N, C-alpha and C. Protein backbone atom coordinates (compact mmCIF):
# COMPACT_ATOMS: atom_id res chain seq x y z
N MET A 1 48.55 39.47 21.90
CA MET A 1 48.31 39.04 20.31
C MET A 1 46.91 38.52 20.71
N THR A 2 46.73 37.56 20.94
CA THR A 2 45.06 36.73 21.05
C THR A 2 43.81 37.65 21.73
N ALA A 3 44.46 38.53 22.34
CA ALA A 3 43.05 39.45 22.61
C ALA A 3 42.32 40.18 21.43
N MET A 4 43.53 40.24 20.17
CA MET A 4 42.67 40.89 18.93
C MET A 4 41.97 39.91 18.31
N PHE A 5 42.07 38.47 18.35
CA PHE A 5 40.89 37.59 18.11
C PHE A 5 40.45 36.66 19.30
N GLY A 6 38.99 37.21 19.63
CA GLY A 6 38.40 36.96 20.94
C GLY A 6 37.34 35.68 20.89
N GLU A 7 36.79 34.85 22.02
CA GLU A 7 36.45 34.16 22.11
C GLU A 7 34.90 34.02 21.03
N GLY A 8 34.32 34.91 20.85
CA GLY A 8 33.52 34.67 19.77
C GLY A 8 33.70 34.70 18.22
N ASP A 9 35.05 35.07 18.24
CA ASP A 9 35.62 35.01 16.46
C ASP A 9 36.08 33.41 16.12
N ARG A 10 35.57 33.32 15.31
CA ARG A 10 35.83 31.73 14.49
C ARG A 10 36.66 31.71 13.49
N SER A 11 37.10 32.71 12.83
CA SER A 11 37.94 32.83 11.88
C SER A 11 38.74 33.98 11.43
N LEU A 12 40.14 33.72 11.15
CA LEU A 12 41.09 34.69 10.88
C LEU A 12 41.77 34.58 10.02
N LEU A 13 41.76 35.61 9.05
CA LEU A 13 42.71 35.80 8.08
C LEU A 13 44.06 36.47 8.50
N VAL A 14 45.81 35.93 8.17
CA VAL A 14 46.76 36.87 8.68
C VAL A 14 47.77 36.66 7.69
N LEU A 15 47.39 38.68 6.87
CA LEU A 15 47.99 38.78 5.97
C LEU A 15 49.41 39.36 6.58
N GLY A 16 50.51 39.50 5.48
CA GLY A 16 51.79 40.29 5.43
C GLY A 16 52.56 40.08 4.46
N GLY A 17 53.80 40.41 4.45
CA GLY A 17 54.99 39.84 3.39
C GLY A 17 55.52 39.01 3.84
N ALA A 18 56.27 38.91 2.78
CA ALA A 18 57.53 37.52 3.37
C ALA A 18 58.61 37.67 4.46
N ARG A 19 58.57 37.21 5.69
CA ARG A 19 59.29 37.34 6.49
C ARG A 19 58.84 38.12 7.57
N SER A 20 57.66 38.40 7.31
CA SER A 20 56.71 39.51 8.50
C SER A 20 56.35 38.77 9.71
N GLY A 21 56.26 37.61 9.83
CA GLY A 21 56.01 36.51 10.65
C GLY A 21 54.69 36.07 11.38
N LYS A 22 54.49 36.27 9.88
CA LYS A 22 52.99 35.72 9.82
C LYS A 22 52.58 34.40 10.15
N SER A 23 53.40 33.56 10.18
CA SER A 23 53.15 31.88 10.24
C SER A 23 53.12 31.70 11.78
N ARG A 24 54.51 32.85 12.43
CA ARG A 24 54.43 32.65 13.86
C ARG A 24 53.15 32.86 14.69
N HIS A 25 53.08 33.99 13.90
CA HIS A 25 51.83 34.92 14.95
C HIS A 25 50.40 34.25 15.00
N ALA A 26 49.93 33.48 13.42
CA ALA A 26 48.76 31.97 13.35
C ALA A 26 49.20 31.04 14.16
N GLN A 27 50.62 30.66 14.25
CA GLN A 27 50.72 29.52 15.39
C GLN A 27 50.21 29.97 16.40
N ALA A 28 50.61 31.12 16.91
CA ALA A 28 50.56 31.38 18.40
C ALA A 28 48.98 31.48 18.67
N VAL A 29 48.16 31.95 17.91
CA VAL A 29 46.69 32.17 18.13
C VAL A 29 46.06 30.89 18.10
N ALA A 30 46.72 29.87 17.21
CA ALA A 30 45.94 28.13 17.29
C ALA A 30 46.46 27.82 18.34
N GLU A 31 47.34 27.58 18.59
CA GLU A 31 47.79 26.89 20.26
C GLU A 31 47.14 27.84 21.30
N ALA A 32 46.74 28.86 20.95
CA ALA A 32 46.14 29.56 22.44
C ALA A 32 44.76 29.04 22.31
N ARG A 33 44.58 28.55 21.18
CA ARG A 33 42.85 28.09 20.83
C ARG A 33 42.39 26.73 20.91
N GLY A 34 43.50 25.99 21.57
CA GLY A 34 43.16 24.73 21.01
C GLY A 34 44.37 23.88 21.53
N ASP A 35 44.07 22.44 21.90
CA ASP A 35 44.79 21.27 22.60
C ASP A 35 45.72 20.95 21.92
N ALA A 36 44.92 20.76 20.49
CA ALA A 36 45.29 19.54 19.45
C ALA A 36 45.03 20.13 18.34
N PRO A 37 45.76 21.11 17.90
CA PRO A 37 45.24 22.07 16.26
C PRO A 37 46.05 21.68 15.26
N VAL A 38 44.89 21.60 14.14
CA VAL A 38 45.78 20.79 12.90
C VAL A 38 45.98 21.63 11.81
N PHE A 39 47.52 21.34 10.93
CA PHE A 39 47.98 22.57 10.21
C PHE A 39 47.64 21.75 8.83
N ILE A 40 46.65 22.57 7.96
CA ILE A 40 46.70 22.32 6.88
C ILE A 40 47.76 22.95 5.94
N ALA A 41 48.50 22.22 5.37
CA ALA A 41 49.87 22.44 4.83
C ALA A 41 49.52 22.80 3.03
N THR A 42 49.44 23.75 2.80
CA THR A 42 49.56 23.69 0.94
C THR A 42 50.80 23.77 -0.12
N ALA A 43 51.77 23.86 0.78
CA ALA A 43 53.16 23.77 0.10
C ALA A 43 53.73 22.54 -0.75
N GLN A 44 54.05 22.78 -1.72
CA GLN A 44 54.67 21.34 -2.60
C GLN A 44 55.99 21.40 -2.63
N ALA A 45 56.65 20.35 -1.98
CA ALA A 45 58.38 20.38 -2.49
C ALA A 45 58.52 19.99 -3.52
N PHE A 46 58.79 20.85 -4.42
CA PHE A 46 59.42 21.06 -5.97
C PHE A 46 61.14 21.10 -6.15
N ASP A 47 61.58 21.03 -4.77
CA ASP A 47 62.85 21.27 -4.74
C ASP A 47 63.56 21.62 -3.27
N ASP A 48 65.04 21.79 -3.48
CA ASP A 48 65.87 21.62 -1.86
C ASP A 48 65.09 22.77 -0.88
N GLU A 49 65.47 24.40 -1.80
CA GLU A 49 65.03 24.80 -1.14
C GLU A 49 63.72 24.88 -0.47
N MET A 50 62.51 24.29 -1.18
CA MET A 50 61.26 24.71 -0.66
C MET A 50 61.60 23.12 0.34
N ARG A 51 61.99 22.18 0.02
CA ARG A 51 61.57 21.10 0.99
C ARG A 51 62.27 21.85 2.50
N GLU A 52 63.33 22.52 2.32
CA GLU A 52 64.01 23.36 3.84
C GLU A 52 62.93 23.95 4.62
N ARG A 53 62.26 24.86 3.78
CA ARG A 53 60.93 25.87 4.01
C ARG A 53 60.30 24.99 4.72
N ILE A 54 59.77 23.58 4.15
CA ILE A 54 58.96 23.03 4.88
C ILE A 54 59.61 22.30 6.09
N SER A 55 60.46 22.04 6.05
CA SER A 55 61.41 21.03 7.05
C SER A 55 61.15 22.40 8.44
N ARG A 56 61.63 23.48 8.56
CA ARG A 56 61.57 24.74 9.16
C ARG A 56 60.37 24.85 9.83
N HIS A 57 59.40 24.61 9.25
CA HIS A 57 57.90 25.06 9.73
C HIS A 57 57.54 24.22 10.53
N GLN A 58 57.76 22.65 10.34
CA GLN A 58 57.89 21.28 11.01
C GLN A 58 58.01 21.91 12.28
N ALA A 59 59.16 22.06 12.09
CA ALA A 59 60.41 22.14 13.78
C ALA A 59 59.81 22.99 14.68
N ASN A 60 59.01 24.26 13.93
CA ASN A 60 58.07 24.92 14.69
C ASN A 60 57.51 24.75 15.50
N ARG A 61 56.14 23.41 15.03
CA ARG A 61 55.30 22.65 15.72
C ARG A 61 55.59 21.62 16.26
N ASP A 62 55.17 21.64 17.77
CA ASP A 62 55.46 20.67 18.41
C ASP A 62 54.67 19.34 18.14
N THR A 63 54.52 18.50 19.55
CA THR A 63 53.72 17.16 18.74
C THR A 63 52.14 17.09 18.98
N ARG A 64 51.67 17.97 19.67
CA ARG A 64 50.32 18.46 19.78
C ARG A 64 49.15 18.87 18.49
N TRP A 65 50.35 19.21 17.33
CA TRP A 65 49.45 19.12 15.98
C TRP A 65 49.73 17.97 15.18
N ARG A 66 48.88 17.73 14.47
CA ARG A 66 48.65 17.21 13.15
C ARG A 66 48.34 18.13 12.07
N THR A 67 48.97 17.15 10.85
CA THR A 67 49.30 17.46 9.92
C THR A 67 48.51 17.31 8.71
N VAL A 68 47.68 18.15 7.75
CA VAL A 68 47.33 17.38 6.43
C VAL A 68 47.57 18.60 5.11
N GLU A 69 47.79 17.46 4.14
CA GLU A 69 48.53 18.35 3.21
C GLU A 69 47.24 18.25 2.06
N ALA A 70 47.15 19.35 1.64
CA ALA A 70 45.66 19.75 1.19
C ALA A 70 46.33 20.79 -0.09
N PRO A 71 47.00 20.44 -1.36
CA PRO A 71 48.00 21.73 -2.09
C PRO A 71 46.38 21.91 -2.84
N LEU A 72 45.76 21.15 -3.41
CA LEU A 72 44.95 21.81 -3.84
C LEU A 72 43.88 21.74 -3.76
N ASP A 73 43.25 20.84 -2.90
CA ASP A 73 42.05 20.61 -2.21
C ASP A 73 41.59 21.04 -0.95
N LEU A 74 42.28 22.21 -1.25
CA LEU A 74 41.67 23.09 0.36
C LEU A 74 40.39 22.98 0.87
N ALA A 75 39.26 23.34 0.33
CA ALA A 75 38.08 23.22 0.83
C ALA A 75 37.44 22.11 1.56
N GLU A 76 38.11 20.95 0.55
CA GLU A 76 37.55 19.61 1.16
C GLU A 76 38.37 19.51 2.62
N ALA A 77 39.98 19.68 2.46
CA ALA A 77 40.42 19.58 3.59
C ALA A 77 39.47 20.34 5.05
N ILE A 78 39.54 21.34 4.62
CA ILE A 78 38.69 22.32 6.10
C ILE A 78 37.60 21.68 6.14
N ALA A 79 36.61 21.22 5.53
CA ALA A 79 35.63 20.66 5.51
C ALA A 79 35.34 19.08 6.39
N GLU A 80 36.94 18.60 6.22
CA GLU A 80 36.61 17.46 6.95
C GLU A 80 37.57 17.59 8.43
N THR A 81 38.18 18.69 8.75
CA THR A 81 38.66 18.69 9.89
C THR A 81 37.99 19.37 10.83
N THR A 82 38.23 18.86 12.43
CA THR A 82 37.44 19.79 13.52
C THR A 82 38.35 20.47 14.05
N GLY A 83 37.66 21.17 15.03
CA GLY A 83 38.46 21.62 16.02
C GLY A 83 39.61 23.39 15.50
N VAL A 84 40.54 23.50 16.05
CA VAL A 84 41.38 24.68 15.72
C VAL A 84 42.12 24.34 14.45
N VAL A 85 42.10 25.01 13.59
CA VAL A 85 42.25 24.58 12.03
C VAL A 85 43.61 25.83 11.61
N LEU A 86 44.38 25.53 11.20
CA LEU A 86 45.58 26.53 10.44
C LEU A 86 45.84 26.08 9.13
N VAL A 87 45.48 27.09 8.07
CA VAL A 87 46.09 26.83 6.97
C VAL A 87 47.04 27.15 6.60
N ASP A 88 48.14 27.06 6.25
CA ASP A 88 49.49 28.16 5.92
C ASP A 88 50.00 27.51 4.38
N CYS A 89 50.09 27.85 3.11
CA CYS A 89 49.33 29.20 3.23
C CYS A 89 48.33 29.56 2.03
N LEU A 90 47.72 30.79 1.80
CA LEU A 90 46.44 30.55 0.56
C LEU A 90 47.58 31.20 -0.34
N THR A 91 48.28 31.57 -0.52
CA THR A 91 49.38 31.84 -1.49
C THR A 91 50.17 31.00 -2.59
N LEU A 92 50.77 29.96 -1.55
CA LEU A 92 51.06 28.81 -2.59
C LEU A 92 49.96 27.90 -2.94
N TRP A 93 48.46 27.84 -2.02
CA TRP A 93 47.37 26.94 -2.48
C TRP A 93 47.25 28.06 -3.99
N ALA A 94 47.58 29.45 -4.10
CA ALA A 94 46.78 30.24 -5.25
C ALA A 94 48.12 29.88 -6.39
N SER A 95 49.41 29.30 -5.70
CA SER A 95 50.28 28.92 -6.78
C SER A 95 49.87 27.57 -7.34
N ASN A 96 49.99 26.89 -6.70
CA ASN A 96 49.55 25.19 -7.02
C ASN A 96 48.03 25.34 -8.42
N LEU A 97 47.19 26.18 -7.84
CA LEU A 97 45.89 26.03 -8.72
C LEU A 97 46.34 26.63 -10.25
N LEU A 98 47.17 27.61 -9.78
CA LEU A 98 47.69 28.29 -11.31
C LEU A 98 48.62 27.63 -11.79
N LEU A 99 49.49 26.78 -11.70
CA LEU A 99 50.43 25.59 -12.20
C LEU A 99 49.49 24.22 -12.56
N ALA A 100 48.25 23.88 -12.15
CA ALA A 100 47.53 23.00 -12.06
C ALA A 100 46.55 23.24 -13.19
N GLU A 101 46.21 24.75 -13.36
CA GLU A 101 45.69 24.73 -14.32
C GLU A 101 44.32 24.71 -14.05
N THR A 102 43.48 24.98 -12.66
CA THR A 102 42.41 24.55 -12.37
C THR A 102 41.94 26.05 -12.09
N ASP A 103 40.17 25.97 -11.92
CA ASP A 103 39.72 26.78 -11.98
C ASP A 103 39.56 27.37 -10.67
N TRP A 104 40.39 28.32 -10.60
CA TRP A 104 40.69 29.45 -9.62
C TRP A 104 39.65 30.10 -8.74
N GLU A 105 38.53 29.99 -9.72
CA GLU A 105 37.61 31.16 -9.00
C GLU A 105 36.84 30.19 -8.56
N ALA A 106 36.57 29.00 -9.03
CA ALA A 106 35.19 28.03 -8.48
C ALA A 106 36.28 27.25 -7.13
N ALA A 107 37.47 27.19 -7.14
CA ALA A 107 38.04 26.54 -6.37
C ALA A 107 38.09 27.71 -4.84
N THR A 108 38.22 29.03 -5.10
CA THR A 108 37.65 29.86 -4.22
C THR A 108 36.45 30.63 -3.78
N GLY A 109 35.47 29.70 -4.48
CA GLY A 109 33.60 29.87 -4.34
C GLY A 109 33.83 28.91 -3.12
N ARG A 110 34.15 27.61 -3.27
CA ARG A 110 34.00 26.57 -2.17
C ARG A 110 35.35 26.73 -1.21
N LEU A 111 36.29 27.60 -1.18
CA LEU A 111 36.64 27.61 -0.41
C LEU A 111 35.87 28.56 0.88
N ILE A 112 35.38 29.96 0.12
CA ILE A 112 34.43 30.62 0.74
C ILE A 112 33.09 30.18 1.57
N ASP A 113 32.87 28.94 1.05
CA ASP A 113 31.81 28.26 1.60
C ASP A 113 31.94 27.34 2.61
N ALA A 114 33.29 26.84 2.58
CA ALA A 114 34.05 26.30 3.76
C ALA A 114 34.31 26.99 4.95
N ILE A 115 34.61 28.30 4.87
CA ILE A 115 35.14 29.34 5.74
C ILE A 115 33.69 29.36 6.48
N GLY A 116 32.51 29.47 5.81
CA GLY A 116 30.94 30.04 6.33
C GLY A 116 31.03 29.03 6.96
N ALA A 117 31.02 27.63 6.31
CA ALA A 117 30.28 26.67 6.97
C ALA A 117 30.86 26.11 8.52
N ARG A 118 32.43 26.47 8.34
CA ARG A 118 33.14 25.96 9.63
C ARG A 118 32.36 26.26 10.62
N ARG A 119 32.40 25.20 11.60
CA ARG A 119 31.96 25.72 13.14
C ARG A 119 33.17 25.44 14.20
N GLY A 120 34.41 25.12 14.14
CA GLY A 120 35.54 25.11 14.75
C GLY A 120 36.51 26.52 14.36
N THR A 121 37.64 26.63 14.95
CA THR A 121 38.06 28.00 14.66
C THR A 121 39.21 27.86 13.74
N LEU A 122 39.14 28.75 12.49
CA LEU A 122 40.12 28.64 11.40
C LEU A 122 40.83 29.63 11.18
N ILE A 123 41.95 29.59 10.90
CA ILE A 123 42.91 30.65 10.93
C ILE A 123 44.08 30.19 9.66
N LEU A 124 43.61 31.54 8.89
CA LEU A 124 44.26 31.29 7.14
C LEU A 124 45.37 32.39 6.91
N VAL A 125 46.60 31.91 6.77
CA VAL A 125 47.48 32.70 6.60
C VAL A 125 48.16 33.10 4.86
N ALA A 126 48.42 34.15 4.54
CA ALA A 126 48.34 34.68 3.49
C ALA A 126 49.53 36.04 2.73
N ASN A 127 50.39 35.55 1.90
CA ASN A 127 50.53 36.72 1.80
C ASN A 127 50.21 37.87 1.13
N GLU A 128 50.70 39.16 1.17
CA GLU A 128 50.19 40.35 0.37
C GLU A 128 50.87 40.70 -0.57
N VAL A 129 50.67 40.06 -1.55
CA VAL A 129 51.66 40.34 -2.41
C VAL A 129 51.20 41.71 -3.71
N GLY A 130 50.27 42.81 -3.32
CA GLY A 130 50.47 43.86 -4.03
C GLY A 130 51.01 45.16 -3.76
N LEU A 131 52.10 45.00 -2.57
CA LEU A 131 52.39 45.72 -2.82
C LEU A 131 53.60 46.55 -2.88
N GLY A 132 54.28 45.64 -3.91
CA GLY A 132 55.68 45.79 -4.37
C GLY A 132 55.32 46.67 -6.09
N ILE A 133 56.48 46.34 -6.78
CA ILE A 133 56.36 46.65 -7.96
C ILE A 133 55.58 45.63 -9.07
N VAL A 134 55.06 46.19 -10.27
CA VAL A 134 54.15 46.01 -11.13
C VAL A 134 54.82 44.38 -11.58
N PRO A 135 54.39 43.48 -11.68
CA PRO A 135 55.67 42.35 -12.27
C PRO A 135 56.02 42.98 -13.73
N ASP A 136 57.12 42.27 -14.61
CA ASP A 136 57.10 42.67 -15.68
C ASP A 136 56.94 41.31 -16.60
N ASN A 137 55.74 40.62 -16.09
CA ASN A 137 55.61 39.44 -17.45
C ASN A 137 54.12 39.06 -16.76
N ALA A 138 53.10 38.56 -17.74
CA ALA A 138 52.06 38.35 -17.60
C ALA A 138 51.72 37.35 -16.64
N LEU A 139 52.42 36.15 -16.63
CA LEU A 139 52.27 35.29 -15.51
C LEU A 139 51.86 35.56 -14.23
N ALA A 140 53.09 36.44 -13.87
CA ALA A 140 53.39 37.00 -12.55
C ALA A 140 52.29 38.36 -12.23
N ARG A 141 51.95 39.06 -13.72
CA ARG A 141 50.74 39.96 -12.98
C ARG A 141 49.44 38.74 -12.85
N ARG A 142 49.23 38.22 -13.90
CA ARG A 142 48.42 37.01 -13.64
C ARG A 142 48.21 36.51 -12.25
N PHE A 143 49.39 35.91 -11.22
CA PHE A 143 49.17 35.40 -10.30
C PHE A 143 49.08 36.58 -9.05
N ARG A 144 49.93 37.71 -9.23
CA ARG A 144 49.31 38.67 -8.33
C ARG A 144 47.94 39.11 -8.43
N ASP A 145 47.58 39.20 -9.39
CA ASP A 145 45.81 39.56 -9.29
C ASP A 145 45.23 38.65 -8.76
N MET A 146 45.40 37.35 -8.92
CA MET A 146 44.65 35.97 -8.44
C MET A 146 44.97 36.09 -6.83
N ALA A 147 45.92 36.13 -6.63
CA ALA A 147 46.24 35.73 -4.95
C ALA A 147 45.47 37.25 -4.82
N GLY A 148 45.62 38.50 -5.04
CA GLY A 148 44.87 39.50 -4.29
C GLY A 148 43.37 39.60 -4.49
N THR A 149 43.24 38.87 -5.29
CA THR A 149 41.71 38.26 -5.37
C THR A 149 40.91 37.60 -4.30
N ILE A 150 41.89 36.51 -4.09
CA ILE A 150 41.47 35.55 -3.55
C ILE A 150 41.64 36.67 -1.92
N ASN A 151 42.68 36.82 -1.52
CA ASN A 151 42.92 37.69 -0.20
C ASN A 151 41.47 38.13 0.01
N GLN A 152 41.46 39.30 -0.94
CA GLN A 152 39.73 40.20 -0.58
C GLN A 152 38.82 39.45 -0.54
N ARG A 153 38.17 38.48 -1.23
CA ARG A 153 37.28 37.71 -0.85
C ARG A 153 37.40 36.74 0.29
N VAL A 154 38.47 36.08 1.16
CA VAL A 154 38.41 35.11 2.13
C VAL A 154 38.67 36.55 3.15
N ALA A 155 39.43 37.96 2.81
CA ALA A 155 38.94 38.68 3.92
C ALA A 155 37.77 38.91 4.22
N ALA A 156 37.23 39.10 3.49
CA ALA A 156 35.42 39.61 3.66
C ALA A 156 34.71 38.41 4.24
N ALA A 157 35.21 36.99 3.40
CA ALA A 157 34.33 35.98 5.04
C ALA A 157 35.00 35.93 6.48
N VAL A 158 35.69 35.98 6.90
CA VAL A 158 36.56 35.48 8.19
C VAL A 158 35.86 37.15 8.87
N ASP A 159 36.13 36.67 10.16
CA ASP A 159 35.75 37.30 11.65
C ASP A 159 36.75 38.44 11.51
N ARG A 160 37.84 37.92 11.58
CA ARG A 160 39.14 39.27 11.49
C ARG A 160 40.06 38.94 10.61
N VAL A 161 40.95 39.73 10.66
CA VAL A 161 42.11 40.15 9.54
C VAL A 161 43.03 40.91 10.19
N HIS A 162 44.28 39.74 10.50
CA HIS A 162 45.45 40.84 11.02
C HIS A 162 46.35 41.06 9.60
N PHE A 163 47.16 42.23 9.70
CA PHE A 163 48.08 42.58 8.73
C PHE A 163 49.59 42.09 9.66
N LEU A 164 50.53 42.04 9.40
CA LEU A 164 51.68 41.66 9.94
C LEU A 164 52.90 42.50 9.58
N ALA A 165 53.80 42.86 10.38
CA ALA A 165 54.97 44.09 9.45
C ALA A 165 55.81 43.52 10.59
N ALA A 166 57.27 43.30 10.55
CA ALA A 166 58.33 43.30 11.02
C ALA A 166 57.80 42.48 12.35
N GLY A 167 56.95 41.45 12.42
CA GLY A 167 56.80 40.80 13.36
C GLY A 167 55.79 41.07 14.01
N LEU A 168 55.03 42.04 14.07
CA LEU A 168 54.29 43.26 14.56
C LEU A 168 52.86 43.13 14.01
N PRO A 169 51.54 42.42 14.86
CA PRO A 169 50.28 42.69 14.12
C PRO A 169 49.54 44.06 14.38
N LEU A 170 48.99 44.16 13.05
CA LEU A 170 47.72 45.42 12.94
C LEU A 170 46.66 44.73 12.71
N ALA A 171 45.08 44.84 13.91
CA ALA A 171 44.11 44.21 13.38
C ALA A 171 43.62 44.98 12.56
N LEU A 172 43.05 44.43 11.13
CA LEU A 172 42.72 45.55 10.22
C LEU A 172 40.96 45.16 10.05
N LYS A 173 40.50 44.23 10.83
CA LYS A 173 39.24 43.52 10.76
C LYS A 173 38.90 42.97 12.32
């Protein structure tokens, strides 16, 4: 699994659909790369179902992990951390930007700059949302297009890209 992300690689984007194994794969790569990894969480617990999802993710990480919450200021959180960093996930971050009516293109530009300036290992997780049907409403289409654009920009900026399907990683870059 980690052979697809070599010693000379600094950054990795892990893409896939819902329940594809993205987070588990990204966590395994991070744990193989460092003793004290940092988890940058973008999720916001607006309801019970999301609180349960967050709890499950937390339970999967042992005491080696330190968590930083960054629902909007992702580039700043990346810049302020050292060592092995795992960001989960860009799709929730995009949703947060949309809900906050933030300039997502400027925020994405700052994220790309932070990826380029990063010295330690950086692993980013995102959902691939463009493989399904065309959404039936303007807001959902706007979100899908926004998430797809962010994924493309991040994929161009990182050293490696893995796509997960059924828990199996495929190296795209």
